[in-house]
Amino acid sequence: MADRQGQETGQGGRIASDPRLLAALAAGLLAAVLSLWAFRGLPGGAFALWLVSLPLFMAGIGFGGLAVMAAVGVAGLVLLLLGSGAGLGLFLALFGVPALLLVLASTRGLALSFALLGLIPAAGVLLAAFLLGDAPGGLEGAMREAAEIGLQRMGLPAHEGLVEELVRVKAAAIGFWVALALLVNAAAAAALLVRAGVIPAAPAWREARLPSWYPALPAIAGGFWMAAPEGGDAIRLSLLLVLLVPVFLHGLAALHRVSAALKGRAFVLGGTYAALLILSVPVALGVAGYGFYDILNGTRARRVAPPRS
């Protein structure tokens, strides 16, 4: 009997001392608290919402795929018990599943993770369009209602032209911010883990490259958008824009790489980011164009490179 109790105590001690399980439990609880804080409209909830994936990435990057999988499970269970089904679904769609997929994909290199920053929001747009297919106006109708409510809360007149433009890009804007939040939180998690000595070095984010097949996706989405009927292109435009986000990020990473040897590197990068803030759309398109060039140029260079002896 004593031996059995000792074995159980030993097993419990091993479980309690397993860093992967401890990290998963802590990350899951913190992600759930941040989610509940945001969903219940508490002060600072908007800021807390964009930090939900940070503990999940810390568990995954520091302790592996099983740790982030367990963390998502713990957070989901807490949200189901203390929150609502809608909150659980929102957490899984925006943060839980994307963080899990990005961590698992990173085990095969950063290229696939980079591509998922466009594929995940695109899948979200398609899923939302499917789920809202029976609602009045579908996804576009829901975006229109949200745009009108948002303008009213800001005290602005809901002109038809302004609402129409917001409807066309609102889903893409949400996808862009989700992708950016995932990327920033992943980078922050890696930096914190390096500082804590959990991992020796952060992933080389600036060296990440999109796969050579990725440019075909925004090209196909662009073709569907151009073929869309007038006034019915909101979903197709959103797909095109969210698929361009990784290309834009690739262009920024390439700009950091090629400017590394320049004496005026700080001036070049500072001017680029300032231009993005002032003339966001044309400069962002230019950076995305440079991203396309770098992807195709890198693919061509790999094809013509001589075989290693």
Foldseek 3Di string as FASTA:
>chain_A
DVVVVVVVVVVVVVCVPPVLQVLLLVLLVLLLVLLVCLVVPHPPNVVSPLLSQLSLLLSPVLPHLVSSVSSLVSNLVVCVVPHHPVSSVVCCLLHSVLSSVLSVVCVVPNQVSLQVLLVSLLVVLVVQQVVQVPPVVGLLVVQLVVLCVVCVVVVHDPDVVVSLVSSLCVSLVVSLSSSVSSVVSNQVSQVVCCVVVSDVHRPPLLPHAHALPLVVQLVVLVVVLVVDDPSPRSSSSSSNSSSLNSLLVLLLSVLCVVLVPPPCSVVVNVVLVVCCVVVVVVSSVVSSVSSNVVSVVVVVCVVPDDDDD
